[in-house]
């Protein structure tokens, strides 16, 4: 049987993925359609476009990381390097009120595409 300490330490690794998944699943579409005032169709299209970009970049990054051989391992250098840009784009994703209404869909889609590409 596994100890509670081992279960806790193992589950800590899933926190980042859980935050991202919950934000995209439960919060993002509601936030952009109700709070920001973006047309729900446009917000859905931007999320869909970001997921399409993600479906292309995930296998590409997997191939690159599989061929990487560093003292930190295959994937750790990329996770360390992406920490700051991912944090910045999460903040930018929720700060849409700084720009005008005509650029919201471009800003939203761009932030989403970059964010899912980095994760």
N, C-alpha and C. Protein backbone atom coordinates (compact mmCIF):
# COMPACT_ATOMS: atom_id res chain seq x y z
N UNK A 1 0.84 -1.18 0.00
CA UNK A 1 0.00 0.00 0.00
C UNK A 1 0.89 1.25 0.00
N UNK A 2 0.45 2.25 -0.69
CA UNK A 2 1.21 3.50 -0.80
C UNK A 2 0.94 4.39 0.40
N UNK A 3 1.97 5.07 0.85
CA UNK A 3 1.80 5.98 1.99
C UNK A 3 1.11 7.26 1.53
N UNK A 4 0.51 7.94 2.49
CA UNK A 4 -0.15 9.22 2.19
C UNK A 4 0.85 10.26 1.70
N UNK A 5 2.06 10.24 2.25
CA UNK A 5 3.08 11.19 1.82
C UNK A 5 3.43 10.96 0.35
N UNK A 6 3.58 9.70 -0.05
CA UNK A 6 3.87 9.39 -1.45
C UNK A 6 2.73 9.83 -2.36
N UNK A 7 1.50 9.59 -1.96
CA UNK A 7 0.34 10.00 -2.76
C UNK A 7 0.30 11.52 -2.91
N UNK A 8 0.58 12.23 -1.82
CA UNK A 8 0.58 13.69 -1.87
C UNK A 8 1.67 14.20 -2.80
N UNK A 9 2.87 13.68 -2.66
CA UNK A 9 3.97 14.12 -3.51
C UNK A 9 3.71 13.79 -4.97
N UNK A 10 3.12 12.67 -5.24
CA UNK A 10 2.81 12.29 -6.61
C UNK A 10 1.73 13.20 -7.20
N UNK A 11 0.76 13.56 -6.38
CA UNK A 11 -0.35 14.38 -6.89
C UNK A 11 0.04 15.85 -7.09
N UNK A 12 1.08 16.32 -6.45
CA UNK A 12 1.51 17.71 -6.62
C UNK A 12 1.88 17.98 -8.08
N UNK A 13 2.38 16.98 -8.76
CA UNK A 13 2.74 17.14 -10.17
C UNK A 13 1.55 17.40 -11.08
N UNK A 14 0.36 17.06 -10.64
CA UNK A 14 -0.83 17.25 -11.46
C UNK A 14 -1.51 18.60 -11.22
N UNK A 15 -0.99 19.40 -10.33
CA UNK A 15 -1.64 20.67 -10.00
C UNK A 15 -1.66 21.61 -11.21
N UNK A 16 -0.53 21.77 -11.88
CA UNK A 16 -0.47 22.69 -13.02
C UNK A 16 -1.42 22.25 -14.13
N UNK A 17 -1.44 20.99 -14.44
CA UNK A 17 -2.34 20.50 -15.48
C UNK A 17 -3.80 20.67 -15.06
N UNK A 18 -4.09 20.46 -13.79
CA UNK A 18 -5.45 20.63 -13.30
C UNK A 18 -5.91 22.08 -13.39
N UNK A 19 -5.03 23.01 -13.08
CA UNK A 19 -5.38 24.43 -13.17
C UNK A 19 -5.67 24.81 -14.61
N UNK A 20 -4.81 24.38 -15.52
CA UNK A 20 -5.01 24.70 -16.94
C UNK A 20 -6.29 24.08 -17.47
N UNK A 21 -6.50 22.82 -17.18
CA UNK A 21 -7.68 22.13 -17.69
C UNK A 21 -8.96 22.72 -17.12
N UNK A 22 -8.97 22.99 -15.83
CA UNK A 22 -10.17 23.57 -15.22
C UNK A 22 -10.44 24.97 -15.75
N UNK A 23 -9.38 25.75 -15.96
CA UNK A 23 -9.60 27.10 -16.48
C UNK A 23 -10.18 27.05 -17.88
N UNK A 24 -9.62 26.22 -18.75
CA UNK A 24 -10.13 26.12 -20.11
C UNK A 24 -11.53 25.52 -20.14
N UNK A 25 -11.78 24.54 -19.30
CA UNK A 25 -13.05 23.83 -19.35
C UNK A 25 -14.20 24.62 -18.73
N UNK A 26 -13.97 25.21 -17.57
CA UNK A 26 -15.07 25.80 -16.81
C UNK A 26 -15.14 27.33 -16.85
N UNK A 27 -14.03 27.98 -17.00
CA UNK A 27 -14.00 29.41 -16.74
C UNK A 27 -13.82 30.28 -17.97
N UNK A 28 -12.98 29.87 -18.91
CA UNK A 28 -12.54 30.77 -19.98
C UNK A 28 -13.66 31.23 -20.89
N UNK A 29 -14.49 30.32 -21.38
CA UNK A 29 -15.57 30.71 -22.28
C UNK A 29 -16.57 31.62 -21.57
N UNK A 30 -16.91 31.28 -20.33
CA UNK A 30 -17.82 32.13 -19.56
C UNK A 30 -17.21 33.52 -19.36
N UNK A 31 -15.94 33.58 -19.00
CA UNK A 31 -15.27 34.85 -18.76
C UNK A 31 -15.29 35.73 -20.00
N UNK A 32 -14.94 35.17 -21.15
CA UNK A 32 -14.87 35.97 -22.36
C UNK A 32 -16.24 36.35 -22.90
N UNK A 33 -17.23 35.50 -22.74
CA UNK A 33 -18.54 35.84 -23.28
C UNK A 33 -19.34 36.74 -22.34
N UNK A 34 -19.28 36.52 -21.05
CA UNK A 34 -20.09 37.30 -20.11
C UNK A 34 -19.38 38.51 -19.52
N UNK A 35 -18.16 38.32 -19.09
CA UNK A 35 -17.45 39.40 -18.42
C UNK A 35 -16.85 40.38 -19.42
N UNK A 36 -16.15 39.88 -20.42
CA UNK A 36 -15.50 40.74 -21.41
C UNK A 36 -16.48 41.20 -22.48
N UNK A 37 -17.49 40.40 -22.78
CA UNK A 37 -18.49 40.79 -23.77
C UNK A 37 -18.18 40.34 -25.19
N UNK A 38 -17.28 39.39 -25.34
CA UNK A 38 -16.96 38.86 -26.66
C UNK A 38 -18.07 37.90 -27.09
N UNK A 39 -18.40 37.93 -28.38
CA UNK A 39 -19.42 37.03 -28.91
C UNK A 39 -19.02 35.58 -28.59
N UNK A 40 -19.91 34.77 -28.01
CA UNK A 40 -19.57 33.40 -27.66
C UNK A 40 -19.08 32.56 -28.84
N UNK A 41 -19.61 32.83 -30.03
CA UNK A 41 -19.15 32.10 -31.21
C UNK A 41 -17.68 32.40 -31.49
N UNK A 42 -17.29 33.67 -31.41
CA UNK A 42 -15.90 34.04 -31.63
C UNK A 42 -14.98 33.46 -30.55
N UNK A 43 -15.43 33.50 -29.31
CA UNK A 43 -14.64 32.92 -28.23
C UNK A 43 -14.46 31.42 -28.43
N UNK A 44 -15.52 30.74 -28.85
CA UNK A 44 -15.43 29.30 -29.10
C UNK A 44 -14.51 29.00 -30.27
N UNK A 45 -14.57 29.83 -31.32
CA UNK A 45 -13.68 29.63 -32.46
C UNK A 45 -12.21 29.83 -32.06
N UNK A 46 -11.96 30.81 -31.20
CA UNK A 46 -10.58 31.04 -30.75
C UNK A 46 -10.08 29.86 -29.92
N UNK A 47 -10.93 29.33 -29.04
CA UNK A 47 -10.54 28.16 -28.25
C UNK A 47 -10.30 26.97 -29.17
N UNK A 48 -11.18 26.78 -30.15
CA UNK A 48 -11.00 25.69 -31.11
C UNK A 48 -9.72 25.83 -31.91
N UNK A 49 -9.41 27.05 -32.35
CA UNK A 49 -8.17 27.28 -33.09
C UNK A 49 -6.95 26.98 -32.23
N UNK A 50 -7.02 27.37 -30.96
CA UNK A 50 -5.91 27.09 -30.05
C UNK A 50 -5.72 25.59 -29.84
N UNK A 51 -6.82 24.85 -29.79
CA UNK A 51 -6.70 23.40 -29.63
C UNK A 51 -6.16 22.75 -30.90
N UNK A 52 -6.46 23.30 -32.05
CA UNK A 52 -5.89 22.79 -33.30
C UNK A 52 -4.38 23.05 -33.33
N UNK A 53 -3.97 24.25 -32.92
CA UNK A 53 -2.54 24.55 -32.82
C UNK A 53 -1.87 23.60 -31.83
N UNK A 54 -2.55 23.33 -30.73
CA UNK A 54 -2.03 22.42 -29.72
C UNK A 54 -1.86 21.01 -30.28
N UNK A 55 -2.80 20.58 -31.11
CA UNK A 55 -2.71 19.22 -31.68
C UNK A 55 -1.53 19.10 -32.65
N UNK A 56 -1.05 20.20 -33.16
CA UNK A 56 0.12 20.18 -34.04
C UNK A 56 1.41 20.31 -33.23
N UNK A 57 1.42 21.20 -32.25
CA UNK A 57 2.65 21.46 -31.51
C UNK A 57 2.98 20.38 -30.48
N UNK A 58 1.99 19.69 -29.94
CA UNK A 58 2.27 18.65 -28.94
C UNK A 58 3.12 17.50 -29.51
N UNK A 59 2.74 16.90 -30.64
CA UNK A 59 3.61 15.85 -31.18
C UNK A 59 4.98 16.37 -31.62
N UNK A 60 5.01 17.60 -32.12
CA UNK A 60 6.28 18.19 -32.53
C UNK A 60 7.20 18.37 -31.31
N UNK A 61 6.66 18.92 -30.24
CA UNK A 61 7.47 19.12 -29.03
C UNK A 61 7.83 17.78 -28.40
N UNK A 62 6.95 16.80 -28.49
CA UNK A 62 7.26 15.46 -27.99
C UNK A 62 8.45 14.86 -28.72
N UNK A 63 8.48 15.03 -30.02
CA UNK A 63 9.60 14.53 -30.82
C UNK A 63 10.89 15.25 -30.45
N UNK A 64 10.81 16.56 -30.31
CA UNK A 64 12.00 17.34 -29.94
C UNK A 64 12.50 16.93 -28.57
N UNK A 65 11.60 16.80 -27.61
CA UNK A 65 12.04 16.46 -26.25
C UNK A 65 12.53 15.02 -26.16
N UNK A 66 12.00 14.12 -26.98
CA UNK A 66 12.50 12.75 -26.99
C UNK A 66 13.93 12.67 -27.50
N UNK A 67 14.31 13.61 -28.34
CA UNK A 67 15.67 13.63 -28.91
C UNK A 67 16.63 14.48 -28.09
N UNK A 68 16.15 15.09 -27.02
CA UNK A 68 17.00 15.93 -26.17
C UNK A 68 17.67 15.07 -25.12
N UNK A 69 18.94 15.31 -24.90
CA UNK A 69 19.67 14.57 -23.88
C UNK A 69 20.53 15.55 -23.10
N UNK A 70 20.05 15.97 -21.93
CA UNK A 70 20.80 16.90 -21.08
C UNK A 70 20.96 16.28 -19.70
N UNK A 71 21.75 16.93 -18.88
CA UNK A 71 21.94 16.41 -17.51
C UNK A 71 20.66 16.56 -16.68
N UNK A 72 19.76 17.47 -17.10
CA UNK A 72 18.49 17.64 -16.39
C UNK A 72 17.43 16.64 -16.86
N UNK A 73 17.71 15.92 -17.92
CA UNK A 73 16.75 14.98 -18.46
C UNK A 73 16.23 15.45 -19.81
N UNK A 74 15.23 14.74 -20.30
CA UNK A 74 14.71 15.06 -21.63
C UNK A 74 13.73 16.21 -21.61
N UNK A 75 12.89 16.32 -20.62
CA UNK A 75 11.81 17.31 -20.64
C UNK A 75 11.99 18.47 -19.66
N UNK A 76 12.78 18.29 -18.64
CA UNK A 76 12.94 19.35 -17.64
C UNK A 76 13.45 20.67 -18.19
N UNK A 77 14.42 20.70 -19.11
CA UNK A 77 14.86 22.01 -19.62
C UNK A 77 13.71 22.80 -20.27
N UNK A 78 12.83 22.11 -20.96
CA UNK A 78 11.71 22.79 -21.63
C UNK A 78 10.67 23.25 -20.62
N UNK A 79 10.45 22.46 -19.57
CA UNK A 79 9.50 22.89 -18.55
C UNK A 79 10.02 24.10 -17.79
N UNK A 80 11.31 24.11 -17.51
CA UNK A 80 11.90 25.25 -16.81
C UNK A 80 11.86 26.50 -17.70
N UNK A 81 12.19 26.33 -18.98
CA UNK A 81 12.20 27.47 -19.90
C UNK A 81 10.81 28.03 -20.16
N UNK A 82 9.78 27.20 -20.06
CA UNK A 82 8.43 27.67 -20.38
C UNK A 82 7.70 28.26 -19.18
N UNK A 83 8.25 28.17 -18.00
CA UNK A 83 7.55 28.63 -16.80
C UNK A 83 7.20 30.11 -16.87
N UNK A 84 8.16 30.95 -17.20
CA UNK A 84 7.91 32.40 -17.24
C UNK A 84 6.96 32.78 -18.38
N UNK A 85 7.18 32.32 -19.63
CA UNK A 85 6.23 32.69 -20.69
C UNK A 85 4.80 32.21 -20.42
N UNK A 86 4.65 31.02 -19.89
CA UNK A 86 3.31 30.52 -19.58
C UNK A 86 2.65 31.40 -18.52
N UNK A 87 3.39 31.77 -17.51
CA UNK A 87 2.84 32.65 -16.47
C UNK A 87 2.42 33.99 -17.04
N UNK A 88 3.26 34.55 -17.91
CA UNK A 88 2.94 35.84 -18.51
C UNK A 88 1.69 35.75 -19.37
N UNK A 89 1.57 34.70 -20.18
CA UNK A 89 0.42 34.58 -21.06
C UNK A 89 -0.87 34.26 -20.31
N UNK A 90 -0.79 33.56 -19.17
CA UNK A 90 -1.99 33.40 -18.35
C UNK A 90 -2.48 34.75 -17.83
N UNK A 91 -1.56 35.59 -17.41
CA UNK A 91 -1.94 36.93 -16.95
C UNK A 91 -2.53 37.73 -18.10
N UNK A 92 -1.87 37.71 -19.26
CA UNK A 92 -2.37 38.46 -20.41
C UNK A 92 -3.73 37.96 -20.88
N UNK A 93 -3.96 36.66 -20.75
CA UNK A 93 -5.22 36.07 -21.18
C UNK A 93 -6.39 36.64 -20.39
N UNK A 94 -6.16 36.98 -19.14
CA UNK A 94 -7.23 37.50 -18.30
C UNK A 94 -7.21 39.02 -18.17
N UNK A 95 -6.34 39.70 -18.88
CA UNK A 95 -6.26 41.16 -18.83
C UNK A 95 -6.74 41.79 -20.13
N UNK A 96 -7.76 41.24 -20.72
CA UNK A 96 -8.25 41.69 -22.01
C UNK A 96 -8.89 43.06 -21.96
N UNK A 97 -9.28 43.52 -20.81
CA UNK A 97 -9.93 44.82 -20.71
C UNK A 97 -8.99 45.98 -21.00
N UNK A 98 -7.73 45.69 -21.24
CA UNK A 98 -6.76 46.74 -21.53
C UNK A 98 -6.80 47.21 -22.98
N UNK A 99 -7.47 46.44 -23.86
CA UNK A 99 -7.47 46.78 -25.27
C UNK A 99 -8.89 47.05 -25.74
N UNK A 100 -9.00 47.61 -26.94
CA UNK A 100 -10.30 47.95 -27.50
C UNK A 100 -11.08 46.72 -27.95
N UNK A 101 -12.37 46.91 -28.16
CA UNK A 101 -13.27 45.81 -28.52
C UNK A 101 -12.91 45.20 -29.88
N UNK A 102 -12.38 46.00 -30.81
CA UNK A 102 -12.13 45.47 -32.15
C UNK A 102 -10.97 44.49 -32.20
N UNK A 103 -10.10 44.52 -31.23
CA UNK A 103 -8.93 43.64 -31.24
C UNK A 103 -9.05 42.47 -30.27
N UNK A 104 -10.17 42.32 -29.61
CA UNK A 104 -10.31 41.30 -28.57
C UNK A 104 -10.13 39.88 -29.11
N UNK A 105 -10.74 39.57 -30.24
CA UNK A 105 -10.65 38.20 -30.75
C UNK A 105 -9.22 37.88 -31.18
N UNK A 106 -8.53 38.83 -31.78
CA UNK A 106 -7.14 38.59 -32.18
C UNK A 106 -6.25 38.39 -30.95
N UNK A 107 -6.44 39.21 -29.96
CA UNK A 107 -5.66 39.12 -28.73
C UNK A 107 -5.95 37.79 -28.02
N UNK A 108 -7.21 37.46 -27.89
CA UNK A 108 -7.62 36.23 -27.21
C UNK A 108 -7.07 35.01 -27.94
N UNK A 109 -7.28 34.95 -29.25
CA UNK A 109 -6.80 33.82 -30.02
C UNK A 109 -5.28 33.70 -30.00
N UNK A 110 -4.61 34.82 -30.10
CA UNK A 110 -3.15 34.80 -30.07
C UNK A 110 -2.60 34.32 -28.74
N UNK A 111 -3.16 34.84 -27.65
CA UNK A 111 -2.72 34.39 -26.31
C UNK A 111 -2.98 32.90 -26.12
N UNK A 112 -4.15 32.45 -26.54
CA UNK A 112 -4.47 31.04 -26.39
C UNK A 112 -3.53 30.15 -27.20
N UNK A 113 -3.28 30.53 -28.44
CA UNK A 113 -2.40 29.72 -29.29
C UNK A 113 -0.98 29.63 -28.72
N UNK A 114 -0.46 30.75 -28.25
CA UNK A 114 0.87 30.73 -27.66
C UNK A 114 0.86 29.93 -26.37
N UNK A 115 -0.16 30.11 -25.57
CA UNK A 115 -0.22 29.41 -24.28
C UNK A 115 -0.28 27.91 -24.45
N UNK A 116 -1.15 27.41 -25.33
CA UNK A 116 -1.23 25.96 -25.49
C UNK A 116 0.00 25.40 -26.19
N UNK A 117 0.67 26.23 -26.98
CA UNK A 117 1.91 25.76 -27.62
C UNK A 117 3.03 25.59 -26.60
N UNK A 118 3.04 26.44 -25.59
CA UNK A 118 4.08 26.37 -24.56
C UNK A 118 3.83 25.28 -23.54
N UNK A 119 2.63 24.82 -23.40
CA UNK A 119 2.33 23.83 -22.36
C UNK A 119 2.59 22.43 -22.82
